PDB file of N, CA and C in Angstrom:
ATOM      1  N   UNK A   1     106.847  96.458 126.391  1.00  0.00           N
ATOM      2  CA  UNK A   1     106.491  95.487 127.389  1.00  0.00           C
ATOM      3  C   UNK A   1     106.546  96.162 128.748  1.00  0.00           C
ATOM      4  N   UNK A   2     105.610  95.866 129.544  1.00  0.00           N
ATOM      5  CA  UNK A   2     105.547  96.454 130.871  1.00  0.00           C
ATOM      6  C   UNK A   2     106.566  95.812 131.793  1.00  0.00           C
ATOM      7  N   UNK A   3     107.000  96.585 132.765  1.00  0.00           N
ATOM      8  CA  UNK A   3     107.922  96.044 133.765  1.00  0.00           C
ATOM      9  C   UNK A   3     107.241  94.952 134.574  1.00  0.00           C
ATOM     10  N   UNK A   4     105.956  95.137 134.866  1.00  0.00           N
ATOM     11  CA  UNK A   4     105.230  94.118 135.631  1.00  0.00           C
ATOM     12  C   UNK A   4     105.163  92.808 134.862  1.00  0.00           C
ATOM     13  N   UNK A   5     105.004  92.888 133.558  1.00  0.00           N
ATOM     14  CA  UNK A   5     104.971  91.684 132.737  1.00  0.00           C
ATOM     15  C   UNK A   5     106.297  90.963 132.744  1.00  0.00           C
ATOM     16  N   UNK A   6     107.378  91.714 132.703  1.00  0.00           N
ATOM     17  CA  UNK A   6     108.709  91.109 132.744  1.00  0.00           C
ATOM     18  C   UNK A   6     108.936  90.452 134.094  1.00  0.00           C
ATOM     19  N   UNK A   7     108.578  91.153 135.169  1.00  0.00           N
ATOM     20  CA  UNK A   7     108.770  90.597 136.503  1.00  0.00           C
ATOM     21  C   UNK A   7     107.896  89.363 136.719  1.00  0.00           C
ATOM     22  N   UNK A   8     106.697  89.373 136.172  1.00  0.00           N
ATOM     23  CA  UNK A   8     105.822  88.216 136.305  1.00  0.00           C
ATOM     24  C   UNK A   8     106.388  87.036 135.523  1.00  0.00           C
ATOM     25  N   UNK A   9     107.015  87.310 134.399  1.00  0.00           N
ATOM     26  CA  UNK A   9     107.611  86.248 133.594  1.00  0.00           C
ATOM     27  C   UNK A   9     108.713  85.539 134.371  1.00  0.00           C
ATOM     28  N   UNK A  10     109.542  86.304 135.054  1.00  0.00           N
ATOM     29  CA  UNK A  10     110.631  85.727 135.829  1.00  0.00           C
ATOM     30  C   UNK A  10     110.191  85.352 137.242  1.00  0.00           C
ATOM     31  N   UNK A  11     108.954  85.666 137.601  1.00  0.00           N
ATOM     32  CA  UNK A  11     108.391  85.372 138.914  1.00  0.00           C
ATOM     33  C   UNK A  11     109.269  85.941 140.033  1.00  0.00           C
ATOM     34  N   UNK A  12     109.642  87.212 139.889  1.00  0.00           N
ATOM     35  CA  UNK A  12     110.479  87.881 140.884  1.00  0.00           C
ATOM     36  C   UNK A  12     109.619  88.721 141.814  1.00  0.00           C
ATOM     37  N   UNK A  13     109.898  88.613 143.073  1.00  0.00           N
ATOM     38  CA  UNK A  13     109.222  89.428 144.072  1.00  0.00           C
ATOM     39  C   UNK A  13     110.101  90.584 144.484  1.00  0.00           C
ATOM     40  N   UNK A  14     109.614  91.387 145.406  1.00  0.00           N
ATOM     41  CA  UNK A  14     110.352  92.559 145.869  1.00  0.00           C
ATOM     42  C   UNK A  14     111.665  92.158 146.537  1.00  0.00           C
ATOM     43  N   UNK A  15     111.625  91.123 147.359  1.00  0.00           N
ATOM     44  CA  UNK A  15     112.832  90.678 148.047  1.00  0.00           C
ATOM     45  C   UNK A  15     113.921  90.234 147.083  1.00  0.00           C
ATOM     46  N   UNK A  16     113.539  89.508 146.060  1.00  0.00           N
ATOM     47  CA  UNK A  16     114.519  89.045 145.071  1.00  0.00           C
ATOM     48  C   UNK A  16     115.120  90.204 144.288  1.00  0.00           C
ATOM     49  N   UNK A  17     114.299  91.185 143.960  1.00  0.00           N
ATOM     50  CA  UNK A  17     114.793  92.350 143.215  1.00  0.00           C
ATOM     51  C   UNK A  17     115.791  93.131 144.073  1.00  0.00           C
ATOM     52  N   UNK A  18     115.476  93.322 145.352  1.00  0.00           N
ATOM     53  CA  UNK A  18     116.389  94.030 146.256  1.00  0.00           C
ATOM     54  C   UNK A  18     117.708  93.272 146.370  1.00  0.00           C
ATOM     55  N   UNK A  19     117.644  91.965 146.461  1.00  0.00           N
ATOM     56  CA  UNK A  19     118.852  91.151 146.550  1.00  0.00           C
ATOM     57  C   UNK A  19     119.694  91.276 145.288  1.00  0.00           C
ATOM     58  N   UNK A  20     119.070  91.231 144.143  1.00  0.00           N
ATOM     59  CA  UNK A  20     119.789  91.362 142.872  1.00  0.00           C
ATOM     60  C   UNK A  20     120.458  92.731 142.769  1.00  0.00           C
ATOM     61  N   UNK A  21     119.743  93.790 143.132  1.00  0.00           N
ATOM     62  CA  UNK A  21     120.311  95.142 143.083  1.00  0.00           C
ATOM     63  C   UNK A  21     121.492  95.256 144.045  1.00  0.00           C
ATOM     64  N   UNK A  22     121.373  94.669 145.239  1.00  0.00           N
ATOM     65  CA  UNK A  22     122.463  94.715 146.212  1.00  0.00           C
ATOM     66  C   UNK A  22     123.700  93.990 145.690  1.00  0.00           C
ATOM     67  N   UNK A  23     123.508  92.840 145.070  1.00  0.00           N
ATOM     68  CA  UNK A  23     124.640  92.089 144.512  1.00  0.00           C
ATOM     69  C   UNK A  23     125.300  92.878 143.384  1.00  0.00           C
ATOM     70  N   UNK A  24     124.507  93.502 142.538  1.00  0.00           N
ATOM     71  CA  UNK A  24     125.068  94.311 141.449  1.00  0.00           C
ATOM     72  C   UNK A  24     125.873  95.475 142.007  1.00  0.00           C
ATOM     73  N   UNK A  25     125.344  96.134 143.045  1.00  0.00           N
ATOM     74  CA  UNK A  25     126.086  97.229 143.679  1.00  0.00           C
ATOM     75  C   UNK A  25     127.403  96.749 144.278  1.00  0.00           C
ATOM     76  N   UNK A  26     127.389  95.583 144.899  1.00  0.00           N
ATOM     77  CA  UNK A  26     128.619  95.047 145.483  1.00  0.00           C
ATOM     78  C   UNK A  26     129.642  94.680 144.411  1.00  0.00           C
ATOM     79  N   UNK A  27     129.175  94.108 143.322  1.00  0.00           N
ATOM     80  CA  UNK A  27     130.091  93.670 142.267  1.00  0.00           C
ATOM     81  C   UNK A  27     130.689  94.835 141.485  1.00  0.00           C
ATOM     82  N   UNK A  28     129.870  95.795 141.121  1.00  0.00           N
ATOM     83  CA  UNK A  28     130.316  96.848 140.213  1.00  0.00           C
ATOM     84  C   UNK A  28     130.569  98.184 140.905  1.00  0.00           C
ATOM     85  N   UNK A  29     129.963  98.416 142.030  1.00  0.00           N
ATOM     86  CA  UNK A  29     130.129  99.695 142.708  1.00  0.00           C
ATOM     87  C   UNK A  29     129.221 100.754 142.112  1.00  0.00           C
ATOM     88  N   UNK A  30     129.008 101.796 142.876  1.00  0.00           N
ATOM     89  CA  UNK A  30     128.080 102.852 142.458  1.00  0.00           C
ATOM     90  C   UNK A  30     128.561 103.662 141.272  1.00  0.00           C
ATOM     91  N   UNK A  31     129.859 103.767 141.075  1.00  0.00           N
ATOM     92  CA  UNK A  31     130.382 104.592 139.982  1.00  0.00           C
ATOM     93  C   UNK A  31     130.343 103.875 138.639  1.00  0.00           C
ATOM     94  N   UNK A  32     130.399 102.575 138.654  1.00  0.00           N
ATOM     95  CA  UNK A  32     130.468 101.813 137.406  1.00  0.00           C
ATOM     96  C   UNK A  32     129.079 101.582 136.797  1.00  0.00           C
ATOM     97  N   UNK A  33     128.045 101.589 137.601  1.00  0.00           N
ATOM     98  CA  UNK A  33     126.698 101.277 137.113  1.00  0.00           C
ATOM     99  C   UNK A  33     126.211 102.264 136.056  1.00  0.00           C
ATOM    100  N   UNK A  34     126.387 103.596 136.221  1.00  0.00           N
ATOM    101  CA  UNK A  34     125.950 104.495 135.146  1.00  0.00           C
ATOM    102  C   UNK A  34     126.652 104.225 133.819  1.00  0.00           C
ATOM    103  N   UNK A  35     127.928 103.857 133.876  1.00  0.00           N
ATOM    104  CA  UNK A  35     128.649 103.521 132.647  1.00  0.00           C
ATOM    105  C   UNK A  35     128.064 102.274 131.998  1.00  0.00           C
ATOM    106  N   UNK A  36     127.725 101.276 132.816  1.00  0.00           N
ATOM    107  CA  UNK A  36     127.126 100.055 132.284  1.00  0.00           C
ATOM    108  C   UNK A  36     125.766 100.341 131.649  1.00  0.00           C
ATOM    109  N   UNK A  37     124.966 101.162 132.311  1.00  0.00           N
ATOM    110  CA  UNK A  37     123.638 101.491 131.780  1.00  0.00           C
ATOM    111  C   UNK A  37     123.744 102.310 130.494  1.00  0.00           C
ATOM    112  N   UNK A  38     124.727 103.208 130.451  1.00  0.00           N
ATOM    113  CA  UNK A  38     124.942 104.010 129.247  1.00  0.00           C
ATOM    114  C   UNK A  38     125.306 103.098 128.082  1.00  0.00           C
ATOM    115  N   UNK A  39     126.184 102.149 128.317  1.00  0.00           N
ATOM    116  CA  UNK A  39     126.570 101.196 127.277  1.00  0.00           C
ATOM    117  C   UNK A  39     125.398 100.345 126.841  1.00  0.00           C
ATOM    118  N   UNK A  40     124.580  99.937 127.793  1.00  0.00           N
ATOM    119  CA  UNK A  40     123.391  99.152 127.470  1.00  0.00           C
ATOM    120  C   UNK A  40     122.422  99.966 126.621  1.00  0.00           C
ATOM    121  N   UNK A  41     122.239 101.238 126.977  1.00  0.00           N
ATOM    122  CA  UNK A  41     121.360 102.116 126.198  1.00  0.00           C
ATOM    123  C   UNK A  41     121.861 102.309 124.780  1.00  0.00           C
ATOM    124  N   UNK A  42     123.171 102.481 124.621  1.00  0.00           N
ATOM    125  CA  UNK A  42     123.741 102.625 123.275  1.00  0.00           C
ATOM    126  C   UNK A  42     123.548 101.351 122.464  1.00  0.00           C
ATOM    127  N   UNK A  43     123.687 100.213 123.120  1.00  0.00           N
ATOM    128  CA  UNK A  43     123.482  98.941 122.429  1.00  0.00           C
ATOM    129  C   UNK A  43     122.049  98.770 121.958  1.00  0.00           C
ATOM    130  N   UNK A  44     121.104  99.125 122.809  1.00  0.00           N
ATOM    131  CA  UNK A  44     119.683  99.025 122.441  1.00  0.00           C
ATOM    132  C   UNK A  44     119.372  99.987 121.300  1.00  0.00           C
ATOM    133  N   UNK A  45     119.916 101.201 121.368  1.00  0.00           N
ATOM    134  CA  UNK A  45     119.689 102.190 120.313  1.00  0.00           C
ATOM    135  C   UNK A  45     120.252 101.694 118.984  1.00  0.00           C
ATOM    136  N   UNK A  46     121.448 101.124 119.013  1.00  0.00           N
ATOM    137  CA  UNK A  46     122.069 100.595 117.810  1.00  0.00           C
ATOM    138  C   UNK A  46     121.248  99.436 117.237  1.00  0.00           C
ATOM    139  N   UNK A  47     120.737  98.575 118.109  1.00  0.00           N
ATOM    140  CA  UNK A  47     119.915  97.457 117.668  1.00  0.00           C
ATOM    141  C   UNK A  47     118.639  97.950 116.985  1.00  0.00           C
ATOM    142  N   UNK A  48     117.995  98.959 117.573  1.00  0.00           N
ATOM    143  CA  UNK A  48     116.775  99.505 116.981  1.00  0.00           C
ATOM    144  C   UNK A  48     117.060 100.140 115.623  1.00  0.00           C
ATOM    145  N   UNK A  49     118.189 100.843 115.511  1.00  0.00           N
ATOM    146  CA  UNK A  49     118.559 101.440 114.219  1.00  0.00           C
ATOM    147  C   UNK A  49     118.768 100.361 113.177  1.00  0.00           C
ATOM    148  N   UNK A  50     119.427  99.292 113.564  1.00  0.00           N
ATOM    149  CA  UNK A  50     119.642  98.183 112.642  1.00  0.00           C
ATOM    150  C   UNK A  50     118.331  97.559 112.197  1.00  0.00           C
ATOM    151  N   UNK A  51     117.403  97.390 113.118  1.00  0.00           N
ATOM    152  CA  UNK A  51     116.097  96.824 112.776  1.00  0.00           C
ATOM    153  C   UNK A  51     115.341  97.744 111.824  1.00  0.00           C
ATOM    154  N   UNK A  52     115.422  99.062 112.051  1.00  0.00           N
ATOM    155  CA  UNK A  52     114.757 100.012 111.171  1.00  0.00           C
ATOM    156  C   UNK A  52     115.380  99.994 109.778  1.00  0.00           C
ATOM    157  N   UNK A  53     116.703  99.847 109.702  1.00  0.00           N
ATOM    158  CA  UNK A  53     117.371  99.788 108.404  1.00  0.00           C
ATOM    159  C   UNK A  53     116.941  98.547 107.636  1.00  0.00           C
ATOM    160  N   UNK A  54     116.846  97.422 108.311  1.00  0.00           N
ATOM    161  CA  UNK A  54     116.403  96.186 107.657  1.00  0.00           C
ATOM    162  C   UNK A  54     114.970  96.345 107.167  1.00  0.00           C
ATOM    163  N   UNK A  55     114.128  96.933 107.996  1.00  0.00           N
ATOM    164  CA  UNK A  55     112.730  97.139 107.610  1.00  0.00           C
ATOM    165  C   UNK A  55     112.638  98.054 106.391  1.00  0.00           C
ATOM    166  N   UNK A  56     113.449  99.117 106.367  1.00  0.00           N
ATOM    167  CA  UNK A  56     113.450 100.028 105.220  1.00  0.00           C
ATOM    168  C   UNK A  56     113.923  99.317 103.956  1.00  0.00           C
ATOM    169  N   UNK A  57     114.931  98.463 104.083  1.00  0.00           N
ATOM    170  CA  UNK A  57     115.431  97.715 102.927  1.00  0.00           C
ATOM    171  C   UNK A  57     114.379  96.753 102.399  1.00  0.00           C
ATOM    172  N   UNK A  58     113.577  96.185 103.283  1.00  0.00           N
ATOM    173  CA  UNK A  58     112.532  95.274 102.847  1.00  0.00           C
ATOM    174  C   UNK A  58     111.379  96.023 102.181  1.00  0.00           C
ATOM    175  N   UNK A  59     111.094  97.231 102.630  1.00  0.00           N
ATOM    176  CA  UNK A  59     109.999  98.015 102.054  1.00  0.00           C
ATOM    177  C   UNK A  59     110.397  98.681 100.747  1.00  0.00           C
ATOM    178  N   UNK A  60     111.673  98.922 100.544  1.00  0.00           N
ATOM    179  CA  UNK A  60     112.147  99.646  99.364  1.00  0.00           C
ATOM    180  C   UNK A  60     111.743  98.968  98.049  1.00  0.00           C
ATOM    181  N   UNK A  61     111.952  97.655  97.865  1.00  0.00           N
ATOM    182  CA  UNK A  61     111.537  97.032  96.597  1.00  0.00           C
ATOM    183  C   UNK A  61     110.030  97.118  96.361  1.00  0.00           C
ATOM    184  N   UNK A  62     109.248  97.043  97.416  1.00  0.00           N
ATOM    185  CA  UNK A  62     107.796  97.141  97.268  1.00  0.00           C
ATOM    186  C   UNK A  62     107.415  98.541  96.798  1.00  0.00           C
ATOM    187  N   UNK A  63     108.047  99.563  97.363  1.00  0.00           N
ATOM    188  CA  UNK A  63     107.766 100.934  96.951  1.00  0.00           C
ATOM    189  C   UNK A  63     108.218 101.165  95.510  1.00  0.00           C
ATOM    190  N   UNK A  64     109.342 100.556  95.116  1.00  0.00           N
ATOM    191  CA  UNK A  64     109.814 100.681  93.741  1.00  0.00           C
ATOM    192  C   UNK A  64     108.821 100.043  92.762  1.00  0.00           C
ATOM    193  N   UNK A  65     108.254  98.906  93.119  1.00  0.00           N
ATOM    194  CA  UNK A  65     107.264  98.260  92.279  1.00  0.00           C
ATOM    195  C   UNK A  65     106.009  99.113  92.140  1.00  0.00           C
ATOM    196  N   UNK A  66     105.581  99.724  93.237  1.00  0.00           N
ATOM    197  CA  UNK A  66     104.404 100.583  93.203  1.00  0.00           C
ATOM    198  C   UNK A  66     104.645 101.804  92.325  1.00  0.00           C
ATOM    199  N   UNK A  67     105.835 102.380  92.362  1.00  0.00           N
ATOM    200  CA  UNK A  67     106.130 103.563  91.559  1.00  0.00           C
ATOM    201  C   UNK A  67     106.262 103.183  90.078  1.00  0.00           C
ATOM    202  N   UNK A  68     106.709 101.972  89.767  1.00  0.00           N
ATOM    203  CA  UNK A  68     106.830 101.526  88.379  1.00  0.00           C
ATOM    204  C   UNK A  68     105.467 101.304  87.741  1.00  0.00           C
ATOM    205  N   UNK A  69     104.473 100.914  88.522  1.00  0.00           N
ATOM    206  CA  UNK A  69     103.140 100.660  88.007  1.00  0.00           C
ATOM    207  C   UNK A  69     102.437 101.940  87.613  1.00  0.00           C
ATOM    208  N   UNK A  70     102.829 103.057  88.195  1.00  0.00           N
ATOM    209  CA  UNK A  70     102.143 104.330  87.924  1.00  0.00           C
ATOM    210  C   UNK A  70     102.640 104.944  86.686  1.00  0.00           C
TER     211      UNK A  70
END
C-alpha cells in the first residue's frame, strides 16, 4: 500500500503529520524512537512469517493430493 493511500485514508495533511511527529518526539524522546521502530519491524516480520506458515500449511494437503494422483 502506498503511503499516499494511507494518508488519504486518514485525510492527514502536512500540518497534521508534523504535529503528530512532534508529539511523538516529546513523549518518547529521540533515543527511544529507534527502539520502538525496531520492535515494530520485528513484529511485522514475525506476523509475515506466521502468515507464510499458515499459507504453507494450507497448500501442503493440496500438494500431497497432487502427488498421490501421479
